[in-house]
N, C-alpha and C. Protein backbone atom coordinates (compact mmCIF):
# COMPACT_ATOMS: atom_id res chain seq x y z
N UNK A 1 110.20 161.10 61.34
CA UNK A 1 109.78 160.28 62.45
C UNK A 1 109.06 161.16 63.46
N UNK A 2 107.87 160.76 63.86
CA UNK A 2 107.09 161.49 64.85
C UNK A 2 107.38 160.92 66.23
N UNK A 3 107.73 161.76 67.18
CA UNK A 3 108.02 161.31 68.53
C UNK A 3 106.77 161.45 69.39
N UNK A 4 106.50 160.45 70.22
CA UNK A 4 105.39 160.50 71.15
C UNK A 4 105.89 161.01 72.50
N UNK A 5 104.97 161.47 73.31
CA UNK A 5 105.33 161.87 74.67
C UNK A 5 105.83 160.65 75.42
N UNK A 6 106.63 160.88 76.43
CA UNK A 6 107.21 159.79 77.19
C UNK A 6 106.10 158.88 77.73
N UNK A 7 105.02 159.43 78.25
CA UNK A 7 103.94 158.60 78.78
C UNK A 7 104.43 157.70 79.87
N UNK A 8 103.84 156.57 80.01
CA UNK A 8 104.28 155.63 81.03
C UNK A 8 105.28 154.68 80.40
N UNK A 9 106.52 155.12 80.32
CA UNK A 9 107.56 154.31 79.69
C UNK A 9 107.78 153.01 80.43
N UNK A 10 107.54 153.02 81.70
CA UNK A 10 107.71 151.76 82.43
C UNK A 10 106.78 150.71 81.85
N UNK A 11 105.59 151.10 81.44
CA UNK A 11 104.69 150.14 80.81
C UNK A 11 105.20 149.76 79.42
N UNK A 12 105.69 150.71 78.69
CA UNK A 12 106.13 150.42 77.34
C UNK A 12 107.42 149.61 77.30
N UNK A 13 108.23 149.76 78.31
CA UNK A 13 109.50 149.04 78.30
C UNK A 13 109.38 147.74 79.09
N UNK A 14 108.20 147.14 79.13
CA UNK A 14 107.97 145.89 79.84
C UNK A 14 108.12 144.66 78.90
N UNK A 15 108.34 143.06 79.30
CA UNK A 15 108.47 141.82 78.48
C UNK A 15 107.79 140.63 79.09
N UNK A 16 107.95 139.48 78.51
CA UNK A 16 107.30 138.29 79.04
C UNK A 16 107.72 138.10 80.48
N UNK A 17 106.84 137.59 81.27
CA UNK A 17 107.10 137.49 82.70
C UNK A 17 108.35 136.70 83.00
N UNK A 18 108.85 135.97 82.05
CA UNK A 18 110.08 135.23 82.28
C UNK A 18 111.16 135.76 81.36
N UNK A 19 111.85 136.76 81.80
CA UNK A 19 112.98 137.25 81.03
C UNK A 19 114.04 136.16 80.99
N UNK A 20 115.06 136.37 80.23
CA UNK A 20 116.10 135.36 80.17
C UNK A 20 117.41 135.98 79.84
N UNK A 21 118.48 135.22 79.99
CA UNK A 21 119.80 135.76 79.72
C UNK A 21 119.95 136.20 78.27
N UNK A 22 120.65 137.30 78.09
CA UNK A 22 120.95 137.81 76.76
C UNK A 22 122.40 137.52 76.43
N UNK A 23 122.72 137.53 75.15
CA UNK A 23 124.13 137.38 74.79
C UNK A 23 124.90 138.56 75.38
N UNK A 24 126.14 138.35 75.75
CA UNK A 24 126.91 139.36 76.49
C UNK A 24 127.07 140.69 75.76
N UNK A 25 126.98 140.68 74.43
CA UNK A 25 127.18 141.91 73.67
C UNK A 25 125.88 142.45 73.05
N UNK A 26 124.73 142.04 73.59
CA UNK A 26 123.46 142.54 73.05
C UNK A 26 123.42 144.06 73.24
N UNK A 27 122.99 144.81 72.21
CA UNK A 27 123.03 146.27 72.30
C UNK A 27 122.11 146.89 73.36
N UNK A 28 121.11 146.17 73.84
CA UNK A 28 120.19 146.74 74.83
C UNK A 28 120.78 146.78 76.23
N UNK A 29 121.76 145.96 76.51
CA UNK A 29 122.32 145.89 77.86
C UNK A 29 123.01 147.20 78.22
N UNK A 30 122.68 147.72 79.39
CA UNK A 30 123.31 148.95 79.85
C UNK A 30 122.31 149.87 80.52
N UNK A 31 122.73 151.08 80.76
CA UNK A 31 121.88 152.09 81.39
C UNK A 31 121.50 153.12 80.33
N UNK A 32 120.20 153.42 80.27
CA UNK A 32 119.65 154.32 79.25
C UNK A 32 118.81 155.39 79.92
N UNK A 33 118.76 156.57 79.31
CA UNK A 33 117.94 157.66 79.84
C UNK A 33 117.15 158.30 78.71
N UNK A 34 115.92 158.65 79.02
CA UNK A 34 115.08 159.44 78.12
C UNK A 34 114.53 160.61 78.92
N UNK A 35 114.46 161.78 78.28
CA UNK A 35 114.02 163.00 78.95
C UNK A 35 112.82 163.56 78.21
N UNK A 36 111.82 164.03 78.96
CA UNK A 36 110.66 164.68 78.33
C UNK A 36 111.13 165.83 77.46
N UNK A 37 110.42 166.12 76.38
CA UNK A 37 110.84 167.21 75.48
C UNK A 37 111.04 168.55 76.18
N UNK A 38 110.27 168.84 77.23
CA UNK A 38 110.44 170.13 77.93
C UNK A 38 111.53 170.08 79.00
N UNK A 39 112.19 168.91 79.15
CA UNK A 39 113.28 168.77 80.10
C UNK A 39 112.85 168.63 81.55
N UNK A 40 111.55 168.54 81.80
CA UNK A 40 111.06 168.55 83.18
C UNK A 40 111.24 167.23 83.93
N UNK A 41 111.48 166.14 83.23
CA UNK A 41 111.57 164.85 83.89
C UNK A 41 112.37 163.89 83.01
N UNK A 42 113.12 163.03 83.65
CA UNK A 42 113.88 161.99 82.95
C UNK A 42 113.56 160.64 83.55
N UNK A 43 113.69 159.62 82.72
CA UNK A 43 113.55 158.25 83.18
C UNK A 43 114.85 157.53 82.89
N UNK A 44 115.28 156.69 83.83
CA UNK A 44 116.51 155.93 83.67
C UNK A 44 116.17 154.45 83.74
N UNK A 45 116.73 153.70 82.80
CA UNK A 45 116.50 152.26 82.69
C UNK A 45 117.82 151.54 82.82
N UNK A 46 117.92 150.65 83.79
CA UNK A 46 119.09 149.78 83.92
C UNK A 46 118.68 148.43 83.37
N UNK A 47 119.15 148.13 82.19
CA UNK A 47 118.75 146.91 81.50
C UNK A 47 119.87 145.89 81.66
N UNK A 48 119.54 144.81 82.34
CA UNK A 48 120.53 143.83 82.76
C UNK A 48 120.57 142.63 81.81
N UNK A 49 121.73 141.96 81.77
CA UNK A 49 121.88 140.80 80.87
C UNK A 49 121.03 139.59 81.26
N UNK A 50 120.46 139.60 82.47
CA UNK A 50 119.62 138.46 82.89
C UNK A 50 118.17 138.60 82.46
N UNK A 51 117.84 139.65 81.67
CA UNK A 51 116.48 139.84 81.19
C UNK A 51 115.58 140.59 82.15
N UNK A 52 116.18 141.39 83.03
CA UNK A 52 115.40 142.22 83.94
C UNK A 52 115.80 143.68 83.79
N UNK A 53 114.90 144.56 84.19
CA UNK A 53 115.13 145.99 84.10
C UNK A 53 114.73 146.66 85.40
N UNK A 54 115.49 147.66 85.80
CA UNK A 54 115.17 148.53 86.93
C UNK A 54 114.94 149.92 86.37
N UNK A 55 113.77 150.51 86.67
CA UNK A 55 113.37 151.80 86.08
C UNK A 55 113.16 152.82 87.18
N UNK A 56 113.71 154.02 86.96
CA UNK A 56 113.51 155.17 87.84
C UNK A 56 112.84 156.26 87.03
N UNK A 57 111.64 156.69 87.44
CA UNK A 57 110.88 157.71 86.73
C UNK A 57 110.19 158.61 87.74
N UNK A 58 110.67 159.83 87.88
CA UNK A 58 110.16 160.77 88.88
C UNK A 58 110.22 160.09 90.24
N UNK A 59 109.08 159.78 90.88
CA UNK A 59 109.08 159.11 92.19
C UNK A 59 108.96 157.59 92.06
N UNK A 60 108.67 157.12 90.86
CA UNK A 60 108.46 155.69 90.65
C UNK A 60 109.77 154.92 90.58
N UNK A 61 109.76 153.73 91.17
CA UNK A 61 110.81 152.74 90.98
C UNK A 61 110.08 151.46 90.59
N UNK A 62 110.43 150.90 89.45
CA UNK A 62 109.75 149.70 88.95
C UNK A 62 110.78 148.69 88.48
N UNK A 63 110.36 147.44 88.48
CA UNK A 63 111.18 146.36 87.94
C UNK A 63 110.37 145.63 86.90
N UNK A 64 111.05 145.12 85.89
CA UNK A 64 110.36 144.35 84.87
C UNK A 64 111.23 143.18 84.43
N UNK A 65 110.58 142.28 83.71
CA UNK A 65 111.23 141.13 83.11
C UNK A 65 110.93 141.22 81.62
N UNK A 66 111.91 140.94 80.77
CA UNK A 66 111.69 141.13 79.35
C UNK A 66 112.35 140.06 78.50
N UNK A 67 111.86 139.96 77.27
CA UNK A 67 112.52 139.19 76.23
C UNK A 67 112.75 140.15 75.08
N UNK A 68 113.81 139.90 74.32
CA UNK A 68 114.11 140.73 73.15
C UNK A 68 114.78 139.83 72.13
N UNK A 69 114.49 140.07 70.86
CA UNK A 69 115.11 139.26 69.82
C UNK A 69 116.63 139.41 69.87
N UNK A 70 117.31 138.34 69.51
CA UNK A 70 118.77 138.33 69.56
C UNK A 70 119.38 139.21 68.47
N UNK A 71 118.72 139.27 67.33
CA UNK A 71 119.20 140.05 66.18
C UNK A 71 118.04 140.88 65.64
N UNK A 72 118.33 142.00 64.96
CA UNK A 72 117.25 142.80 64.38
C UNK A 72 116.64 142.08 63.17
N UNK A 73 115.40 142.46 62.84
CA UNK A 73 114.77 141.93 61.62
C UNK A 73 115.37 142.64 60.40
N UNK A 74 114.85 142.35 59.24
CA UNK A 74 115.42 142.91 57.99
C UNK A 74 115.32 144.43 57.94
N UNK A 75 114.41 145.02 58.72
CA UNK A 75 114.26 146.47 58.75
C UNK A 75 115.00 147.12 59.92
N UNK A 76 115.75 146.33 60.68
CA UNK A 76 116.56 146.86 61.76
C UNK A 76 115.87 146.94 63.11
N UNK A 77 114.70 146.30 63.28
CA UNK A 77 113.96 146.36 64.54
C UNK A 77 114.17 145.11 65.38
N UNK A 78 114.37 145.33 66.68
CA UNK A 78 114.39 144.26 67.66
C UNK A 78 113.01 144.21 68.30
N UNK A 79 112.39 143.05 68.35
CA UNK A 79 111.10 142.90 69.02
C UNK A 79 111.36 142.68 70.50
N UNK A 80 110.70 143.49 71.33
CA UNK A 80 110.86 143.38 72.78
C UNK A 80 109.48 143.25 73.43
N UNK A 81 109.36 142.31 74.35
CA UNK A 81 108.14 142.17 75.15
C UNK A 81 108.56 142.28 76.60
N UNK A 82 107.86 143.12 77.35
CA UNK A 82 108.27 143.46 78.70
C UNK A 82 107.06 143.42 79.64
N UNK A 83 107.26 142.94 80.85
CA UNK A 83 106.20 142.90 81.86
C UNK A 83 106.71 143.51 83.16
N UNK A 84 105.98 144.48 83.67
CA UNK A 84 106.32 145.06 84.96
C UNK A 84 106.04 144.00 86.02
N UNK A 85 107.05 143.73 86.86
CA UNK A 85 106.90 142.72 87.91
C UNK A 85 106.74 143.34 89.29
N UNK A 86 107.28 144.53 89.49
CA UNK A 86 107.16 145.23 90.79
C UNK A 86 107.09 146.73 90.52
N UNK A 87 106.38 147.43 91.39
CA UNK A 87 106.30 148.88 91.29
C UNK A 87 106.04 149.43 92.68
N UNK A 88 106.65 150.58 92.99
CA UNK A 88 106.48 151.15 94.33
C UNK A 88 105.17 151.93 94.49
N UNK A 89 104.35 152.01 93.44
CA UNK A 89 103.05 152.66 93.54
C UNK A 89 103.08 154.17 93.51
N UNK A 90 104.24 154.75 93.15
CA UNK A 90 104.35 156.21 93.07
C UNK A 90 104.27 156.66 91.61
N UNK A 91 104.07 157.94 91.41
CA UNK A 91 103.86 158.50 90.06
C UNK A 91 105.15 158.59 89.26
N UNK A 92 105.00 158.32 87.93
CA UNK A 92 106.12 158.41 87.00
C UNK A 92 106.13 159.78 86.31
N UNK A 93 106.98 159.95 85.32
CA UNK A 93 107.10 161.23 84.62
C UNK A 93 105.81 161.67 83.93
N UNK A 94 104.95 160.73 83.60
CA UNK A 94 103.68 161.09 82.97
C UNK A 94 102.56 161.24 84.00
N UNK A 95 102.95 161.26 85.28
CA UNK A 95 102.03 161.42 86.41
C UNK A 95 101.08 160.23 86.55
N UNK A 96 101.50 159.07 86.04
CA UNK A 96 100.72 157.83 86.13
C UNK A 96 101.31 156.92 87.20
N UNK A 97 100.50 155.99 87.66
CA UNK A 97 100.96 154.94 88.56
C UNK A 97 100.89 153.64 87.77
N UNK A 98 102.01 152.95 87.67
CA UNK A 98 102.10 151.73 86.89
C UNK A 98 101.63 150.54 87.70
N UNK A 99 100.85 149.69 87.06
CA UNK A 99 100.39 148.47 87.72
C UNK A 99 101.13 147.28 87.13
N UNK A 100 101.70 146.44 87.97
CA UNK A 100 102.42 145.26 87.49
C UNK A 100 101.50 144.27 86.76
N UNK A 101 102.13 143.49 85.88
CA UNK A 101 101.44 142.36 85.27
C UNK A 101 101.14 142.44 83.79
N UNK A 102 101.00 143.61 83.22
CA UNK A 102 100.63 143.72 81.81
C UNK A 102 101.86 143.64 80.91
N UNK A 103 101.81 142.72 79.95
CA UNK A 103 102.90 142.58 78.97
C UNK A 103 102.68 143.55 77.82
N UNK A 104 103.75 144.21 77.42
CA UNK A 104 103.72 145.17 76.31
C UNK A 104 104.80 144.78 75.31
N UNK A 105 104.46 144.82 74.03
CA UNK A 105 105.44 144.54 72.97
C UNK A 105 105.74 145.83 72.22
N UNK A 106 107.02 146.08 72.02
CA UNK A 106 107.49 147.24 71.26
C UNK A 106 108.61 146.79 70.33
N UNK A 107 109.02 147.70 69.46
CA UNK A 107 110.07 147.43 68.48
C UNK A 107 111.13 148.50 68.61
N UNK A 108 112.35 148.08 68.87
CA UNK A 108 113.45 149.01 69.11
C UNK A 108 114.35 149.07 67.89
N UNK A 109 114.80 150.27 67.58
CA UNK A 109 115.78 150.44 66.51
C UNK A 109 116.93 151.27 67.06
N UNK A 110 118.15 150.73 66.93
CA UNK A 110 119.36 151.36 67.45
C UNK A 110 120.05 152.19 66.39
N UNK A 111 120.62 153.29 66.83
CA UNK A 111 121.49 154.09 65.96
C UNK A 111 122.74 153.26 65.70
N UNK A 112 123.37 153.39 64.54
CA UNK A 112 124.58 152.61 64.26
C UNK A 112 125.70 152.76 65.29
N UNK A 113 125.76 153.90 66.00
CA UNK A 113 126.82 154.07 67.00
C UNK A 113 126.54 153.29 68.29
N UNK A 114 125.32 152.73 68.44
CA UNK A 114 124.98 151.92 69.61
C UNK A 114 124.65 152.71 70.86
N UNK A 115 124.65 154.04 70.77
CA UNK A 115 124.43 154.86 71.95
C UNK A 115 123.05 155.51 72.02
N UNK A 116 122.19 155.22 71.04
CA UNK A 116 120.84 155.77 70.99
C UNK A 116 119.90 154.69 70.46
N UNK A 117 118.65 154.71 70.93
CA UNK A 117 117.63 153.90 70.27
C UNK A 117 116.29 154.58 70.42
N UNK A 118 115.36 154.20 69.53
CA UNK A 118 113.98 154.63 69.63
C UNK A 118 113.12 153.40 69.89
N UNK A 119 112.01 153.61 70.57
CA UNK A 119 111.06 152.54 70.86
C UNK A 119 109.77 152.84 70.11
N UNK A 120 109.34 151.87 69.31
CA UNK A 120 108.19 152.10 68.44
C UNK A 120 107.06 151.12 68.74
N UNK A 121 105.85 151.57 68.48
CA UNK A 121 104.67 150.74 68.73
C UNK A 121 104.56 149.59 67.74
N UNK A 122 105.14 149.76 66.55
CA UNK A 122 105.14 148.70 65.55
C UNK A 122 106.42 148.79 64.75
N UNK A 123 106.56 147.97 63.74
CA UNK A 123 107.80 147.92 62.95
C UNK A 123 107.86 149.06 61.94
N UNK A 124 107.75 150.28 62.41
CA UNK A 124 107.91 151.46 61.57
C UNK A 124 108.35 152.60 62.48
N UNK A 125 108.77 153.69 61.87
CA UNK A 125 109.21 154.84 62.66
C UNK A 125 108.10 155.89 62.78
N UNK A 126 106.86 155.46 62.60
CA UNK A 126 105.73 156.39 62.64
C UNK A 126 105.29 156.74 64.06
N UNK A 127 105.29 155.79 64.99
CA UNK A 127 104.83 156.02 66.36
C UNK A 127 105.90 155.55 67.32
N UNK A 128 106.86 156.43 67.58
CA UNK A 128 108.03 156.08 68.39
C UNK A 128 108.26 157.11 69.49
N UNK A 129 108.97 156.68 70.52
CA UNK A 129 109.45 157.61 71.54
C UNK A 129 110.96 157.48 71.59
N UNK A 130 111.60 158.55 72.00
CA UNK A 130 113.04 158.54 72.09
C UNK A 130 113.59 159.89 71.71
N UNK A 131 114.87 159.99 71.66
CA UNK A 131 115.80 158.87 71.79
C UNK A 131 116.09 158.50 73.24
N UNK A 132 116.36 157.23 73.43
CA UNK A 132 116.93 156.74 74.68
C UNK A 132 118.44 156.87 74.49
N UNK A 133 119.12 157.48 75.43
CA UNK A 133 120.55 157.76 75.31
C UNK A 133 121.31 156.91 76.32
N UNK A 134 122.35 156.22 75.83
CA UNK A 134 123.16 155.38 76.71
C UNK A 134 123.88 156.25 77.73
N UNK A 135 123.84 155.84 78.99
CA UNK A 135 124.51 156.54 80.07
C UNK A 135 125.79 155.76 80.35
N UNK A 136 126.90 156.40 80.14
CA UNK A 136 128.20 155.75 80.37
C UNK A 136 128.61 155.90 81.83
N UNK A 137 129.39 154.95 82.30
CA UNK A 137 129.98 155.06 83.62
C UNK A 137 129.08 154.66 84.77
N UNK A 138 127.91 154.05 84.46
CA UNK A 138 127.03 153.58 85.53
C UNK A 138 126.90 152.07 85.40
N UNK A 139 126.97 151.40 86.51
CA UNK A 139 126.85 149.94 86.47
C UNK A 139 125.39 149.55 86.26
N UNK A 140 125.21 148.36 85.72
CA UNK A 140 123.85 147.88 85.48
C UNK A 140 123.46 146.98 86.62
């Protein structure tokens, strides 16, 4: 599996402008962190059961609304569509400024232990970023 640079994860982790409630035990719910390969910057995602996300990346704070499939497909991927709804206009870990409004679709695959996932551009492990690591002990 080839890992991509973190880039503007806030854009990649975005969904349909109308997120919605998830089942209480959906594996995406919780707090997740991804760190650049050189360790210079981390992004934290608080993914809530109401279909919204709060993202912290360097100086950026962003909010998004998302949809995600309830169950994985036959290859183990969850389809997620995310839309940034608010952004403070500051730079993220990739030194970019995120603009609200653009919907992005990605495919997530979780490790069997439920504490890691990768985010892929399509339903394969060829163009993915991660791992996103579950952060325990933080409220969503």
